[in-house]
Amino acid sequence: MKLYELPMQENGRVVLPADLRKSLGLSKGDKVLIEAEGDEVRLTTARLRRKKAHAIASKYARPGVSVVDEFLAEKRVEAEREIARMAPAAESDDAGDRS
């Protein structure tokens, strides 16, 4: 971890050192995320957050298995169960209409 001591400029501006901007992959106009907790702040970028999330998720991914396809298959099974559960009630309603 590297510690930077930076002067606060007008309007609360702080200029990030060039080596820090380079390590974060920041260019003029890029947006940063600042997370404040208690007396500490953490600065990152949305791109770096996505990269970190992807790295975490990839630990749990199984090669050749689509998480989306698995999710959709589970939802189809749930929908079929729900339809089957509701079908007897609909049939009894129809039978009552005929009498």
PDB file of N, CA and C in Angstrom:
ATOM      1  N   MET A   1       0.849  -1.172   0.000  1.00  0.00           N
ATOM      2  CA  MET A   1       0.000   0.000   0.000  1.00  0.00           C
ATOM      3  C   MET A   1       0.894   1.234   0.000  1.00  0.00           C
ATOM      4  N   LYS A   2       0.499   2.198  -0.795  1.00  0.00           N
ATOM      5  CA  LYS A   2       1.267   3.440  -0.864  1.00  0.00           C
ATOM      6  C   LYS A   2       0.426   4.551  -0.267  1.00  0.00           C
ATOM      7  N   LEU A   3       1.035   5.384   0.553  1.00  0.00           N
ATOM      8  CA  LEU A   3       0.342   6.498   1.205  1.00  0.00           C
ATOM      9  C   LEU A   3       0.711   7.800   0.521  1.00  0.00           C
ATOM     10  N   TYR A   4      -0.289   8.600   0.206  1.00  0.00           N
ATOM     11  CA  TYR A   4      -0.084   9.901  -0.425  1.00  0.00           C
ATOM     12  C   TYR A   4      -0.583  10.980   0.528  1.00  0.00           C
ATOM     13  N   GLU A   5       0.183  12.035   0.680  1.00  0.00           N
ATOM     14  CA  GLU A   5      -0.274  13.203   1.427  1.00  0.00           C
ATOM     15  C   GLU A   5      -0.457  14.313   0.397  1.00  0.00           C
ATOM     16  N   LEU A   6      -1.711  14.711   0.204  1.00  0.00           N
ATOM     17  CA  LEU A   6      -2.040  15.642  -0.864  1.00  0.00           C
ATOM     18  C   LEU A   6      -2.668  16.905  -0.289  1.00  0.00           C
ATOM     19  N   PRO A   7      -2.297  18.062  -0.820  1.00  0.00           N
ATOM     20  CA  PRO A   7      -2.899  19.302  -0.325  1.00  0.00           C
ATOM     21  C   PRO A   7      -4.313  19.494  -0.892  1.00  0.00           C
ATOM     22  N   MET A   8      -5.193  20.010  -0.044  1.00  0.00           N
ATOM     23  CA  MET A   8      -6.546  20.354  -0.476  1.00  0.00           C
ATOM     24  C   MET A   8      -6.471  21.715  -1.137  1.00  0.00           C
ATOM     25  N   GLN A   9      -7.010  21.803  -2.354  1.00  0.00           N
ATOM     26  CA  GLN A   9      -6.986  23.062  -3.090  1.00  0.00           C
ATOM     27  C   GLN A   9      -8.352  23.746  -2.997  1.00  0.00           C
ATOM     28  N   GLU A  10      -8.500  24.819  -3.757  1.00  0.00           N
ATOM     29  CA  GLU A  10      -9.754  25.555  -3.754  1.00  0.00           C
ATOM     30  C   GLU A  10     -10.925  24.634  -4.062  1.00  0.00           C
ATOM     31  N   ASN A  11     -12.053  24.944  -3.467  1.00  0.00           N
ATOM     32  CA  ASN A  11     -13.283  24.198  -3.704  1.00  0.00           C
ATOM     33  C   ASN A  11     -13.163  22.712  -3.371  1.00  0.00           C
ATOM     34  N   GLY A  12     -12.247  22.345  -2.496  1.00  0.00           N
ATOM     35  CA  GLY A  12     -12.115  20.961  -2.060  1.00  0.00           C
ATOM     36  C   GLY A  12     -11.453  20.038  -3.058  1.00  0.00           C
ATOM     37  N   ARG A  13     -10.779  20.597  -4.029  1.00  0.00           N
ATOM     38  CA  ARG A  13     -10.134  19.766  -5.052  1.00  0.00           C
ATOM     39  C   ARG A  13      -8.828  19.167  -4.552  1.00  0.00           C
ATOM     40  N   VAL A  14      -8.597  17.935  -4.981  1.00  0.00           N
ATOM     41  CA  VAL A  14      -7.356  17.226  -4.691  1.00  0.00           C
ATOM     42  C   VAL A  14      -6.856  16.676  -6.019  1.00  0.00           C
ATOM     43  N   VAL A  15      -5.603  16.925  -6.331  1.00  0.00           N
ATOM     44  CA  VAL A  15      -5.016  16.423  -7.578  1.00  0.00           C
ATOM     45  C   VAL A  15      -4.316  15.104  -7.277  1.00  0.00           C
ATOM     46  N   LEU A  16      -4.718  14.072  -8.018  1.00  0.00           N
ATOM     47  CA  LEU A  16      -4.095  12.758  -7.831  1.00  0.00           C
ATOM     48  C   LEU A  16      -2.753  12.727  -8.540  1.00  0.00           C
ATOM     49  N   PRO A  17      -1.730  12.196  -7.889  1.00  0.00           N
ATOM     50  CA  PRO A  17      -0.413  12.104  -8.518  1.00  0.00           C
ATOM     51  C   PRO A  17      -0.461  11.257  -9.789  1.00  0.00           C
ATOM     52  N   ALA A  18       0.412  11.574 -10.723  1.00  0.00           N
ATOM     53  CA  ALA A  18       0.436  10.912 -12.029  1.00  0.00           C
ATOM     54  C   ALA A  18       0.574   9.397 -11.906  1.00  0.00           C
ATOM     55  N   ASP A  19       1.432   8.914 -10.999  1.00  0.00           N
ATOM     56  CA  ASP A  19       1.623   7.466 -10.893  1.00  0.00           C
ATOM     57  C   ASP A  19       0.352   6.774 -10.380  1.00  0.00           C
ATOM     58  N   LEU A  20      -0.406   7.457  -9.539  1.00  0.00           N
ATOM     59  CA  LEU A  20      -1.661   6.899  -9.051  1.00  0.00           C
ATOM     60  C   LEU A  20      -2.699   6.885 -10.172  1.00  0.00           C
ATOM     61  N   ARG A  21      -2.790   7.972 -10.932  1.00  0.00           N
ATOM     62  CA  ARG A  21      -3.719   8.020 -12.067  1.00  0.00           C
ATOM     63  C   ARG A  21      -3.382   6.925 -13.064  1.00  0.00           C
ATOM     64  N   LYS A  22      -2.102   6.727 -13.296  1.00  0.00           N
ATOM     65  CA  LYS A  22      -1.681   5.691 -14.252  1.00  0.00           C
ATOM     66  C   LYS A  22      -2.037   4.300 -13.739  1.00  0.00           C
ATOM     67  N   SER A  23      -1.810   4.027 -12.455  1.00  0.00           N
ATOM     68  CA  SER A  23      -2.102   2.699 -11.909  1.00  0.00           C
ATOM     69  C   SER A  23      -3.601   2.414 -11.908  1.00  0.00           C
ATOM     70  N   LEU A  24      -4.419   3.468 -11.823  1.00  0.00           N
ATOM     71  CA  LEU A  24      -5.869   3.294 -11.871  1.00  0.00           C
ATOM     72  C   LEU A  24      -6.407   3.345 -13.299  1.00  0.00           C
ATOM     73  N   GLY A  25      -5.530   3.671 -14.246  1.00  0.00           N
ATOM     74  CA  GLY A  25      -5.949   3.773 -15.639  1.00  0.00           C
ATOM     75  C   GLY A  25      -6.844   4.969 -15.898  1.00  0.00           C
ATOM     76  N   LEU A  26      -6.612   6.055 -15.170  1.00  0.00           N
ATOM     77  CA  LEU A  26      -7.450   7.245 -15.285  1.00  0.00           C
ATOM     78  C   LEU A  26      -6.913   8.228 -16.315  1.00  0.00           C
ATOM     79  N   SER A  27      -7.850   8.820 -17.038  1.00  0.00           N
ATOM     80  CA  SER A  27      -7.534   9.879 -17.994  1.00  0.00           C
ATOM     81  C   SER A  27      -8.449  11.058 -17.707  1.00  0.00           C
ATOM     82  N   LYS A  28      -8.136  12.191 -18.294  1.00  0.00           N
ATOM     83  CA  LYS A  28      -8.945  13.397 -18.109  1.00  0.00           C
ATOM     84  C   LYS A  28     -10.399  13.094 -18.474  1.00  0.00           C
ATOM     85  N   GLY A  29     -11.311  13.484 -17.589  1.00  0.00           N
ATOM     86  CA  GLY A  29     -12.733  13.286 -17.825  1.00  0.00           C
ATOM     87  C   GLY A  29     -13.287  11.979 -17.281  1.00  0.00           C
ATOM     88  N   ASP A  30     -12.416  11.047 -16.913  1.00  0.00           N
ATOM     89  CA  ASP A  30     -12.894   9.790 -16.333  1.00  0.00           C
ATOM     90  C   ASP A  30     -13.560  10.061 -14.992  1.00  0.00           C
ATOM     91  N   LYS A  31     -14.496   9.195 -14.637  1.00  0.00           N
ATOM     92  CA  LYS A  31     -15.168   9.324 -13.349  1.00  0.00           C
ATOM     93  C   LYS A  31     -14.581   8.323 -12.372  1.00  0.00           C
ATOM     94  N   VAL A  32     -14.528   8.743 -11.114  1.00  0.00           N
ATOM     95  CA  VAL A  32     -14.032   7.866 -10.059  1.00  0.00           C
ATOM     96  C   VAL A  32     -15.151   7.630  -9.049  1.00  0.00           C
ATOM     97  N   LEU A  33     -15.040   6.535  -8.332  1.00  0.00           N
ATOM     98  CA  LEU A  33     -15.970   6.219  -7.255  1.00  0.00           C
ATOM     99  C   LEU A  33     -15.241   6.472  -5.940  1.00  0.00           C
ATOM    100  N   ILE A  34     -15.876   7.195  -5.055  1.00  0.00           N
ATOM    101  CA  ILE A  34     -15.291   7.447  -3.738  1.00  0.00           C
ATOM    102  C   ILE A  34     -16.254   6.881  -2.705  1.00  0.00           C
ATOM    103  N   GLU A  35     -15.754   5.941  -1.936  1.00  0.00           N
ATOM    104  CA  GLU A  35     -16.548   5.301  -0.892  1.00  0.00           C
ATOM    105  C   GLU A  35     -16.064   5.835   0.451  1.00  0.00           C
ATOM    106  N   ALA A  36     -16.969   6.423   1.207  1.00  0.00           N
ATOM    107  CA  ALA A  36     -16.613   6.987   2.509  1.00  0.00           C
ATOM    108  C   ALA A  36     -17.198   6.126   3.615  1.00  0.00           C
ATOM    109  N   GLU A  37     -16.355   5.811   4.585  1.00  0.00           N
ATOM    110  CA  GLU A  37     -16.804   5.048   5.748  1.00  0.00           C
ATOM    111  C   GLU A  37     -16.058   5.572   6.965  1.00  0.00           C
ATOM    112  N   GLY A  38     -16.811   6.145   7.869  1.00  0.00           N
ATOM    113  CA  GLY A  38     -16.180   6.733   9.046  1.00  0.00           C
ATOM    114  C   GLY A  38     -15.232   7.845   8.638  1.00  0.00           C
ATOM    115  N   ASP A  39     -13.992   7.734   9.080  1.00  0.00           N
ATOM    116  CA  ASP A  39     -13.007   8.763   8.754  1.00  0.00           C
ATOM    117  C   ASP A  39     -12.080   8.337   7.615  1.00  0.00           C
ATOM    118  N   GLU A  40     -12.514   7.373   6.817  1.00  0.00           N
ATOM    119  CA  GLU A  40     -11.699   6.897   5.708  1.00  0.00           C
ATOM    120  C   GLU A  40     -12.464   6.993   4.393  1.00  0.00           C
ATOM    121  N   VAL A  41     -11.713   7.182   3.313  1.00  0.00           N
ATOM    122  CA  VAL A  41     -12.299   7.152   1.976  1.00  0.00           C
ATOM    123  C   VAL A  41     -11.493   6.199   1.111  1.00  0.00           C
ATOM    124  N   ARG A  42     -12.184   5.579   0.164  1.00  0.00           N
ATOM    125  CA  ARG A  42     -11.538   4.669  -0.780  1.00  0.00           C
ATOM    126  C   ARG A  42     -11.903   5.151  -2.175  1.00  0.00           C
ATOM    127  N   LEU A  43     -10.919   5.261  -3.038  1.00  0.00           N
ATOM    128  CA  LEU A  43     -11.120   5.742  -4.395  1.00  0.00           C
ATOM    129  C   LEU A  43     -10.838   4.614  -5.372  1.00  0.00           C
ATOM    130  N   THR A  44     -11.760   4.420  -6.303  1.00  0.00           N
ATOM    131  CA  THR A  44     -11.583   3.403  -7.336  1.00  0.00           C
ATOM    132  C   THR A  44     -12.354   3.845  -8.576  1.00  0.00           C
ATOM    133  N   THR A  45     -12.466   2.958  -9.541  1.00  0.00           N
ATOM    134  CA  THR A  45     -13.241   3.261 -10.743  1.00  0.00           C
ATOM    135  C   THR A  45     -14.267   2.152 -10.950  1.00  0.00           C
ATOM    136  N   ALA A  46     -15.304   2.464 -11.715  1.00  0.00           N
ATOM    137  CA  ALA A  46     -16.315   1.450 -12.012  1.00  0.00           C
ATOM    138  C   ALA A  46     -15.678   0.293 -12.776  1.00  0.00           C
ATOM    139  N   ARG A  47     -14.753   0.597 -13.674  1.00  0.00           N
ATOM    140  CA  ARG A  47     -14.077  -0.443 -14.458  1.00  0.00           C
ATOM    141  C   ARG A  47     -13.320  -1.401 -13.541  1.00  0.00           C
ATOM    142  N   LEU A  48     -12.593  -0.852 -12.563  1.00  0.00           N
ATOM    143  CA  LEU A  48     -11.840  -1.701 -11.639  1.00  0.00           C
ATOM    144  C   LEU A  48     -12.768  -2.516 -10.741  1.00  0.00           C
ATOM    145  N   ARG A  49     -13.907  -1.942 -10.356  1.00  0.00           N
ATOM    146  CA  ARG A  49     -14.885  -2.679  -9.556  1.00  0.00           C
ATOM    147  C   ARG A  49     -15.437  -3.856 -10.350  1.00  0.00           C
ATOM    148  N   ARG A  50     -15.767  -3.613 -11.633  1.00  0.00           N
ATOM    149  CA  ARG A  50     -16.282  -4.704 -12.475  1.00  0.00           C
ATOM    150  C   ARG A  50     -15.234  -5.796 -12.637  1.00  0.00           C
ATOM    151  N   LYS A  51     -13.984  -5.378 -12.828  1.00  0.00           N
ATOM    152  CA  LYS A  51     -12.892  -6.346 -12.999  1.00  0.00           C
ATOM    153  C   LYS A  51     -12.748  -7.213 -11.740  1.00  0.00           C
ATOM    154  N   LYS A  52     -12.837  -6.589 -10.579  1.00  0.00           N
ATOM    155  CA  LYS A  52     -12.733  -7.324  -9.322  1.00  0.00           C
ATOM    156  C   LYS A  52     -13.920  -8.275  -9.145  1.00  0.00           C
ATOM    157  N   ALA A  53     -15.129  -7.797  -9.457  1.00  0.00           N
ATOM    158  CA  ALA A  53     -16.314  -8.642  -9.348  1.00  0.00           C
ATOM    159  C   ALA A  53     -16.222  -9.830 -10.300  1.00  0.00           C
ATOM    160  N   HIS A  54     -15.727  -9.594 -11.510  1.00  0.00           N
ATOM    161  CA  HIS A  54     -15.564 -10.663 -12.487  1.00  0.00           C
ATOM    162  C   HIS A  54     -14.573 -11.710 -11.975  1.00  0.00           C
ATOM    163  N   ALA A  55     -13.485 -11.248 -11.374  1.00  0.00           N
ATOM    164  CA  ALA A  55     -12.483 -12.178 -10.844  1.00  0.00           C
ATOM    165  C   ALA A  55     -13.083 -13.041  -9.739  1.00  0.00           C
ATOM    166  N   ILE A  56     -13.897 -12.438  -8.879  1.00  0.00           N
ATOM    167  CA  ILE A  56     -14.539 -13.198  -7.802  1.00  0.00           C
ATOM    168  C   ILE A  56     -15.521 -14.204  -8.384  1.00  0.00           C
ATOM    169  N   ALA A  57     -16.359 -13.758  -9.319  1.00  0.00           N
ATOM    170  CA  ALA A  57     -17.378 -14.632  -9.909  1.00  0.00           C
ATOM    171  C   ALA A  57     -16.754 -15.775 -10.698  1.00  0.00           C
ATOM    172  N   SER A  58     -15.639 -15.509 -11.359  1.00  0.00           N
ATOM    173  CA  SER A  58     -15.016 -16.547 -12.188  1.00  0.00           C
ATOM    174  C   SER A  58     -14.471 -17.701 -11.350  1.00  0.00           C
ATOM    175  N   LYS A  59     -14.216 -17.468 -10.077  1.00  0.00           N
ATOM    176  CA  LYS A  59     -13.771 -18.552  -9.193  1.00  0.00           C
ATOM    177  C   LYS A  59     -14.854 -19.624  -9.053  1.00  0.00           C
ATOM    178  N   TYR A  60     -16.115 -19.214  -9.191  1.00  0.00           N
ATOM    179  CA  TYR A  60     -17.238 -20.119  -8.982  1.00  0.00           C
ATOM    180  C   TYR A  60     -17.839 -20.634 -10.289  1.00  0.00           C
ATOM    181  N   ALA A  61     -17.379 -20.119 -11.400  1.00  0.00           N
ATOM    182  CA  ALA A  61     -17.908 -20.539 -12.702  1.00  0.00           C
ATOM    183  C   ALA A  61     -17.363 -21.910 -13.073  1.00  0.00           C
ATOM    184  N   ARG A  62     -18.233 -22.698 -13.698  1.00  0.00           N
ATOM    185  CA  ARG A  62     -17.809 -24.015 -14.175  1.00  0.00           C
ATOM    186  C   ARG A  62     -17.624 -23.936 -15.681  1.00  0.00           C
ATOM    187  N   PRO A  63     -16.495 -24.394 -16.173  1.00  0.00           N
ATOM    188  CA  PRO A  63     -16.248 -24.328 -17.621  1.00  0.00           C
ATOM    189  C   PRO A  63     -17.339 -25.039 -18.412  1.00  0.00           C
ATOM    190  N   GLY A  64     -17.799 -24.398 -19.466  1.00  0.00           N
ATOM    191  CA  GLY A  64     -18.801 -24.986 -20.337  1.00  0.00           C
ATOM    192  C   GLY A  64     -20.227 -24.917 -19.821  1.00  0.00           C
ATOM    193  N   VAL A  65     -20.428 -24.282 -18.658  1.00  0.00           N
ATOM    194  CA  VAL A  65     -21.765 -24.180 -18.084  1.00  0.00           C
ATOM    195  C   VAL A  65     -22.198 -22.717 -18.098  1.00  0.00           C
ATOM    196  N   SER A  66     -23.344 -22.468 -18.713  1.00  0.00           N
ATOM    197  CA  SER A  66     -23.879 -21.112 -18.770  1.00  0.00           C
ATOM    198  C   SER A  66     -24.756 -20.867 -17.551  1.00  0.00           C
ATOM    199  N   VAL A  67     -24.385 -19.897 -16.753  1.00  0.00           N
ATOM    200  CA  VAL A  67     -25.173 -19.550 -15.572  1.00  0.00           C
ATOM    201  C   VAL A  67     -26.556 -19.069 -16.006  1.00  0.00           C
ATOM    202  N   VAL A  68     -26.617 -18.352 -17.094  1.00  0.00           N
ATOM    203  CA  VAL A  68     -27.896 -17.851 -17.596  1.00  0.00           C
ATOM    204  C   VAL A  68     -28.794 -19.021 -17.999  1.00  0.00           C
ATOM    205  N   ASP A  69     -28.244 -19.984 -18.730  1.00  0.00           N
ATOM    206  CA  ASP A  69     -29.035 -21.148 -19.134  1.00  0.00           C
ATOM    207  C   ASP A  69     -29.529 -21.934 -17.916  1.00  0.00           C
ATOM    208  N   GLU A  70     -28.672 -22.089 -16.905  1.00  0.00           N
ATOM    209  CA  GLU A  70     -29.081 -22.779 -15.678  1.00  0.00           C
ATOM    210  C   GLU A  70     -30.217 -22.029 -14.992  1.00  0.00           C
ATOM    211  N   PHE A  71     -30.085 -20.708 -14.906  1.00  0.00           N
ATOM    212  CA  PHE A  71     -31.109 -19.876 -14.269  1.00  0.00           C
ATOM    213  C   PHE A  71     -32.446 -20.013 -15.006  1.00  0.00           C
ATOM    214  N   LEU A  72     -32.397 -19.912 -16.338  1.00  0.00           N
ATOM    215  CA  LEU A  72     -33.626 -20.013 -17.123  1.00  0.00           C
ATOM    216  C   LEU A  72     -34.277 -21.387 -16.977  1.00  0.00           C
ATOM    217  N   ALA A  73     -33.459 -22.430 -16.935  1.00  0.00           N
ATOM    218  CA  ALA A  73     -33.997 -23.785 -16.760  1.00  0.00           C
ATOM    219  C   ALA A  73     -34.696 -23.909 -15.404  1.00  0.00           C
ATOM    220  N   GLU A  74     -34.093 -23.348 -14.357  1.00  0.00           N
ATOM    221  CA  GLU A  74     -34.713 -23.374 -13.029  1.00  0.00           C
ATOM    222  C   GLU A  74     -36.038 -22.622 -13.036  1.00  0.00           C
ATOM    223  N   LYS A  75     -36.072 -21.480 -13.703  1.00  0.00           N
ATOM    224  CA  LYS A  75     -37.301 -20.681 -13.762  1.00  0.00           C
ATOM    225  C   LYS A  75     -38.393 -21.405 -14.544  1.00  0.00           C
ATOM    226  N   ARG A  76     -38.015 -22.126 -15.597  1.00  0.00           N
ATOM    227  CA  ARG A  76     -39.005 -22.901 -16.361  1.00  0.00           C
ATOM    228  C   ARG A  76     -39.627 -23.993 -15.495  1.00  0.00           C
ATOM    229  N   VAL A  77     -38.792 -24.686 -14.718  1.00  0.00           N
ATOM    230  CA  VAL A  77     -39.291 -25.738 -13.827  1.00  0.00           C
ATOM    231  C   VAL A  77     -40.234 -25.133 -12.789  1.00  0.00           C
ATOM    232  N   GLU A  78     -39.854 -23.984 -12.212  1.00  0.00           N
ATOM    233  CA  GLU A  78     -40.722 -23.318 -11.240  1.00  0.00           C
ATOM    234  C   GLU A  78     -42.055 -22.924 -11.873  1.00  0.00           C
ATOM    235  N   ALA A  79     -42.015 -22.411 -13.094  1.00  0.00           N
ATOM    236  CA  ALA A  79     -43.238 -22.003 -13.788  1.00  0.00           C
ATOM    237  C   ALA A  79     -44.130 -23.208 -14.053  1.00  0.00           C
ATOM    238  N   GLU A  80     -43.541 -24.332 -14.462  1.00  0.00           N
ATOM    239  CA  GLU A  80     -44.319 -25.546 -14.713  1.00  0.00           C
ATOM    240  C   GLU A  80     -44.995 -26.037 -13.436  1.00  0.00           C
ATOM    241  N   ARG A  81     -44.258 -25.990 -12.315  1.00  0.00           N
ATOM    242  CA  ARG A  81     -44.837 -26.385 -11.025  1.00  0.00           C
ATOM    243  C   ARG A  81     -45.999 -25.480 -10.656  1.00  0.00           C
ATOM    244  N   GLU A  82     -45.829 -24.182 -10.862  1.00  0.00           N
ATOM    245  CA  GLU A  82     -46.876 -23.214 -10.536  1.00  0.00           C
ATOM    246  C   GLU A  82     -48.117 -23.453 -11.398  1.00  0.00           C
ATOM    247  N   ILE A  83     -47.917 -23.709 -12.672  1.00  0.00           N
ATOM    248  CA  ILE A  83     -49.032 -23.987 -13.584  1.00  0.00           C
ATOM    249  C   ILE A  83     -49.748 -25.264 -13.155  1.00  0.00           C
ATOM    250  N   ALA A  84     -48.984 -26.309 -12.819  1.00  0.00           N
ATOM    251  CA  ALA A  84     -49.574 -27.584 -12.386  1.00  0.00           C
ATOM    252  C   ALA A  84     -50.344 -27.395 -11.081  1.00  0.00           C
ATOM    253  N   ARG A  85     -49.839 -26.578 -10.195  1.00  0.00           N
ATOM    254  CA  ARG A  85     -50.507 -26.326  -8.913  1.00  0.00           C
ATOM    255  C   ARG A  85     -51.819 -25.580  -9.124  1.00  0.00           C
ATOM    256  N   MET A  86     -51.815 -24.663 -10.087  1.00  0.00           N
ATOM    257  CA  MET A  86     -53.009 -23.852 -10.339  1.00  0.00           C
ATOM    258  C   MET A  86     -54.035 -24.585 -11.208  1.00  0.00           C
ATOM    259  N   ALA A  87     -53.642 -25.558 -12.001  1.00  0.00           N
ATOM    260  CA  ALA A  87     -54.534 -26.255 -12.926  1.00  0.00           C
ATOM    261  C   ALA A  87     -55.705 -26.942 -12.224  1.00  0.00           C
ATOM    262  N   PRO A  88     -55.521 -27.686 -11.126  1.00  0.00           N
ATOM    263  CA  PRO A  88     -56.675 -28.317 -10.465  1.00  0.00           C
ATOM    264  C   PRO A  88     -57.706 -27.288  -9.995  1.00  0.00           C
ATOM    265  N   ALA A  89     -57.269 -26.155  -9.522  1.00  0.00           N
ATOM    266  CA  ALA A  89     -58.197 -25.125  -9.070  1.00  0.00           C
ATOM    267  C   ALA A  89     -58.989 -24.573 -10.247  1.00  0.00           C
ATOM    268  N   ALA A  90     -58.360 -24.395 -11.380  1.00  0.00           N
ATOM    269  CA  ALA A  90     -59.040 -23.890 -12.572  1.00  0.00           C
ATOM    270  C   ALA A  90     -60.055 -24.908 -13.078  1.00  0.00           C
ATOM    271  N   GLU A  91     -59.723 -26.196 -13.025  1.00  0.00           N
ATOM    272  CA  GLU A  91     -60.636 -27.246 -13.475  1.00  0.00           C
ATOM    273  C   GLU A  91     -61.873 -27.299 -12.588  1.00  0.00           C
ATOM    274  N   SER A  92     -61.678 -27.157 -11.277  1.00  0.00           N
ATOM    275  CA  SER A  92     -62.839 -27.199 -10.368  1.00  0.00           C
ATOM    276  C   SER A  92     -63.705 -25.966 -10.554  1.00  0.00           C
ATOM    277  N   ASP A  93     -63.136 -24.830 -10.892  1.00  0.00           N
ATOM    278  CA  ASP A  93     -63.905 -23.633 -11.186  1.00  0.00           C
ATOM    279  C   ASP A  93     -64.745 -23.839 -12.429  1.00  0.00           C
ATOM    280  N   ASP A  94     -64.170 -24.461 -13.456  1.00  0.00           N
ATOM    281  CA  ASP A  94     -64.887 -24.736 -14.697  1.00  0.00           C
ATOM    282  C   ASP A  94     -66.041 -25.695 -14.460  1.00  0.00           C
ATOM    283  N   ALA A  95     -65.824 -26.704 -13.615  1.00  0.00           N
ATOM    284  CA  ALA A  95     -66.872 -27.691 -13.322  1.00  0.00           C
ATOM    285  C   ALA A  95     -68.034 -27.010 -12.618  1.00  0.00           C
ATOM    286  N   GLY A  96     -67.774 -26.056 -11.761  1.00  0.00           N
ATOM    287  CA  GLY A  96     -68.827 -25.337 -11.035  1.00  0.00           C
ATOM    288  C   GLY A  96     -69.633 -24.457 -11.952  1.00  0.00           C
ATOM    289  N   ASP A  97     -69.049 -23.985 -13.041  1.00  0.00           N
ATOM    290  CA  ASP A  97     -69.755 -23.130 -13.997  1.00  0.00           C
ATOM    291  C   ASP A  97     -70.772 -23.930 -14.794  1.00  0.00           C
ATOM    292  N   ARG A  98     -70.537 -25.237 -14.996  1.00  0.00           N
ATOM    293  CA  ARG A  98     -71.402 -26.064 -15.826  1.00  0.00           C
ATOM    294  C   ARG A  98     -72.659 -26.519 -15.087  1.00  0.00           C
ATOM    295  N   SER A  99     -72.686 -26.444 -13.775  1.00  0.00           N
ATOM    296  CA  SER A  99     -73.845 -26.961 -13.053  1.00  0.00           C
ATOM    297  C   SER A  99     -74.979 -25.981 -12.938  1.00  0.00           C
TER     298      SER A  99
END
